[in-house]
Structure formats: structure tokens, C-alpha cells
N, C-alpha and C. Protein backbone atom coordinates (compact mmCIF):
# COMPACT_ATOMS: atom_id res chain seq x y z
N MET A 1 217.04 87.29 25.52
CA MET A 1 216.86 88.14 26.69
C MET A 1 215.86 87.51 27.68
N LEU A 2 214.75 87.01 27.19
CA LEU A 2 213.76 86.44 28.09
C LEU A 2 214.28 85.19 28.79
N ALA A 3 215.19 84.45 28.15
CA ALA A 3 215.77 83.28 28.79
C ALA A 3 216.57 83.68 30.02
N VAL A 4 217.27 84.80 29.94
CA VAL A 4 218.05 85.29 31.08
C VAL A 4 217.12 85.76 32.19
N VAL A 5 216.12 86.55 31.84
CA VAL A 5 215.17 87.06 32.82
C VAL A 5 214.39 85.91 33.46
N GLY A 6 214.01 84.94 32.66
CA GLY A 6 213.21 83.82 33.14
C GLY A 6 214.01 82.78 33.91
N GLY A 7 215.33 82.92 33.94
CA GLY A 7 216.14 81.99 34.70
C GLY A 7 216.49 80.70 33.96
N VAL A 8 216.25 80.66 32.65
CA VAL A 8 216.56 79.47 31.88
C VAL A 8 218.06 79.37 31.62
N ASP A 9 218.72 80.49 31.38
CA ASP A 9 220.15 80.53 31.09
C ASP A 9 220.91 80.54 32.42
N SER A 10 221.61 79.45 32.71
CA SER A 10 222.26 79.33 34.01
C SER A 10 223.76 79.62 33.96
N ARG A 11 224.25 80.21 32.88
CA ARG A 11 225.67 80.54 32.78
C ARG A 11 225.99 81.78 33.61
N PRO A 12 227.21 81.87 34.14
CA PRO A 12 227.61 83.08 34.87
C PRO A 12 227.54 84.30 33.96
N ARG A 13 227.10 85.43 34.50
CA ARG A 13 227.00 86.68 33.75
C ARG A 13 227.26 87.84 34.71
N LEU A 14 227.54 89.00 34.17
CA LEU A 14 227.80 90.18 35.01
C LEU A 14 226.62 90.42 35.94
N GLY A 15 226.92 90.62 37.20
CA GLY A 15 225.88 90.86 38.18
C GLY A 15 225.27 89.60 38.75
N GLY A 16 225.60 88.44 38.18
CA GLY A 16 225.06 87.17 38.65
C GLY A 16 225.75 86.71 39.93
N ARG A 17 225.01 86.00 40.77
CA ARG A 17 225.56 85.46 42.02
C ARG A 17 226.13 84.08 41.75
N VAL A 18 227.35 83.86 42.24
CA VAL A 18 228.02 82.57 42.05
C VAL A 18 228.66 82.12 43.35
N ARG A 19 228.86 80.81 43.46
CA ARG A 19 229.58 80.25 44.59
C ARG A 19 230.95 79.81 44.07
N VAL A 20 232.01 80.28 44.74
CA VAL A 20 233.38 79.94 44.36
C VAL A 20 233.87 78.84 45.29
N GLU A 21 234.45 77.79 44.71
CA GLU A 21 234.99 76.70 45.53
C GLU A 21 235.93 77.26 46.59
N ASP A 22 235.75 76.85 47.82
CA ASP A 22 236.62 77.21 48.96
C ASP A 22 236.61 78.68 49.35
N GLN A 23 235.73 79.52 48.74
CA GLN A 23 235.75 80.94 49.08
C GLN A 23 234.39 81.51 49.42
N GLY A 24 233.31 80.88 49.03
CA GLY A 24 231.99 81.38 49.37
C GLY A 24 231.25 81.95 48.17
N THR A 25 230.26 82.79 48.46
CA THR A 25 229.37 83.34 47.44
C THR A 25 229.70 84.80 47.18
N GLY A 26 229.67 85.18 45.89
CA GLY A 26 229.93 86.56 45.51
C GLY A 26 229.20 86.92 44.23
N THR A 27 229.52 88.10 43.68
CA THR A 27 228.86 88.62 42.49
C THR A 27 229.88 88.79 41.37
N VAL A 28 229.54 88.34 40.16
CA VAL A 28 230.42 88.49 39.01
C VAL A 28 230.54 89.98 38.68
N SER A 29 231.77 90.51 38.73
CA SER A 29 231.97 91.93 38.46
C SER A 29 232.69 92.20 37.15
N ARG A 30 233.37 91.18 36.60
CA ARG A 30 234.09 91.38 35.33
C ARG A 30 234.41 90.02 34.72
N ILE A 31 234.36 89.95 33.39
CA ILE A 31 234.77 88.76 32.66
C ILE A 31 235.77 89.23 31.60
N THR A 32 237.01 88.73 31.67
CA THR A 32 238.05 89.17 30.75
C THR A 32 237.99 88.38 29.45
N PRO A 33 238.61 88.92 28.38
CA PRO A 33 238.65 88.20 27.10
C PRO A 33 239.34 86.83 27.20
N ARG A 34 240.22 86.65 28.16
CA ARG A 34 240.94 85.38 28.32
C ARG A 34 240.19 84.39 29.21
N GLY A 35 239.00 84.75 29.65
CA GLY A 35 238.18 83.82 30.41
C GLY A 35 238.34 83.90 31.91
N ARG A 36 239.06 84.87 32.41
CA ARG A 36 239.17 85.07 33.86
C ARG A 36 237.91 85.77 34.33
N ILE A 37 237.38 85.31 35.45
CA ILE A 37 236.15 85.90 35.99
C ILE A 37 236.47 86.53 37.33
N HIS A 38 236.15 87.81 37.47
CA HIS A 38 236.38 88.54 38.71
C HIS A 38 235.10 88.49 39.54
N ILE A 39 235.24 88.04 40.78
CA ILE A 39 234.10 87.90 41.68
C ILE A 39 234.31 88.84 42.86
N GLN A 40 233.31 89.69 43.13
CA GLN A 40 233.37 90.55 44.31
C GLN A 40 232.66 89.84 45.45
N MET A 41 233.42 89.60 46.52
CA MET A 41 232.89 88.91 47.69
C MET A 41 232.17 89.94 48.58
N PRO A 42 231.33 89.49 49.51
CA PRO A 42 230.58 90.42 50.36
C PRO A 42 231.46 91.39 51.17
N ASP A 43 232.68 90.97 51.50
CA ASP A 43 233.57 91.86 52.27
C ASP A 43 234.33 92.83 51.38
N GLY A 44 234.05 92.85 50.06
CA GLY A 44 234.68 93.78 49.14
C GLY A 44 235.91 93.25 48.43
N VAL A 45 236.40 92.10 48.83
CA VAL A 45 237.57 91.50 48.20
C VAL A 45 237.19 90.98 46.82
N ILE A 46 238.07 91.24 45.83
CA ILE A 46 237.87 90.73 44.48
C ILE A 46 238.72 89.47 44.32
N CYS A 47 238.10 88.39 43.93
CA CYS A 47 238.85 87.15 43.66
C CYS A 47 238.74 86.88 42.17
N VAL A 48 239.84 86.43 41.58
CA VAL A 48 239.89 86.12 40.15
C VAL A 48 239.96 84.61 40.01
N THR A 49 239.08 84.06 39.18
CA THR A 49 239.00 82.61 39.06
C THR A 49 238.65 82.21 37.63
N ARG A 50 238.58 80.93 37.38
CA ARG A 50 238.19 80.38 36.09
C ARG A 50 236.76 79.86 36.19
N LEU A 51 236.13 79.69 35.06
CA LEU A 51 234.73 79.25 34.99
C LEU A 51 234.50 77.91 35.67
N ASN A 52 235.45 76.98 35.57
CA ASN A 52 235.22 75.64 36.11
C ASN A 52 235.23 75.58 37.63
N THR A 53 235.53 76.68 38.31
CA THR A 53 235.49 76.69 39.78
C THR A 53 234.21 77.33 40.31
N LEU A 54 233.29 77.70 39.41
CA LEU A 54 232.07 78.43 39.81
C LEU A 54 230.83 77.56 39.75
N THR A 55 229.88 77.89 40.62
CA THR A 55 228.54 77.30 40.60
C THR A 55 227.56 78.46 40.71
N MET A 56 226.59 78.51 39.79
CA MET A 56 225.58 79.57 39.85
C MET A 56 224.71 79.40 41.09
N VAL A 57 224.32 80.52 41.69
CA VAL A 57 223.41 80.53 42.84
C VAL A 57 222.05 80.95 42.33
N ARG A 58 221.06 80.14 42.55
CA ARG A 58 219.70 80.46 42.11
C ARG A 58 218.99 81.28 43.17
N TYR A 59 218.23 82.27 42.68
CA TYR A 59 217.42 83.08 43.59
C TYR A 59 216.06 82.43 43.78
N CYS A 60 215.53 82.55 44.95
CA CYS A 60 214.20 82.06 45.22
C CYS A 60 213.36 83.26 45.66
N VAL A 61 212.38 83.61 44.88
CA VAL A 61 211.52 84.76 45.17
C VAL A 61 210.21 84.25 45.72
N ASN A 62 209.82 84.75 46.87
CA ASN A 62 208.56 84.37 47.49
C ASN A 62 207.63 85.58 47.48
N ASN A 63 206.51 85.48 46.80
CA ASN A 63 205.59 86.61 46.65
C ASN A 63 204.42 86.56 47.64
N ASP A 64 204.59 85.89 48.77
CA ASP A 64 203.50 85.81 49.75
C ASP A 64 203.28 87.12 50.47
């Protein structure tokens, strides 16, 4: 659990932000048993893709 919170685990997970090749950035909304990953884009469109087309988006928190 702490690895996920601390940002050590970089695998896609529910609620995680990802960049989809040729489509932009969205949020993981579902992962099926067959490995299909559903991504909700900012405009509300759901795109279904495979893991190898995703790149995790890292958050940068500034506490200034």
C-alpha cells in the first residue's frame, strides 16, 4: 500500500492518470479480466485499450 501512495508503483491502476497513444490523457475507470483497460477521457468519452498503449502520468505536487 505505501508503495502505491509513495509513487513507487508505476503500473496503471483504477483512478490513475494515463496517456493513451494518439488520444491524450485520461483516467483508468475499469480493468477487465481479459486485460482491456477502460480510460475515461476529459470530454467523458470512454476508450478501451491494451496495457502496451499506455504511459503513466506522474503528478507533481508543489507545497509552496
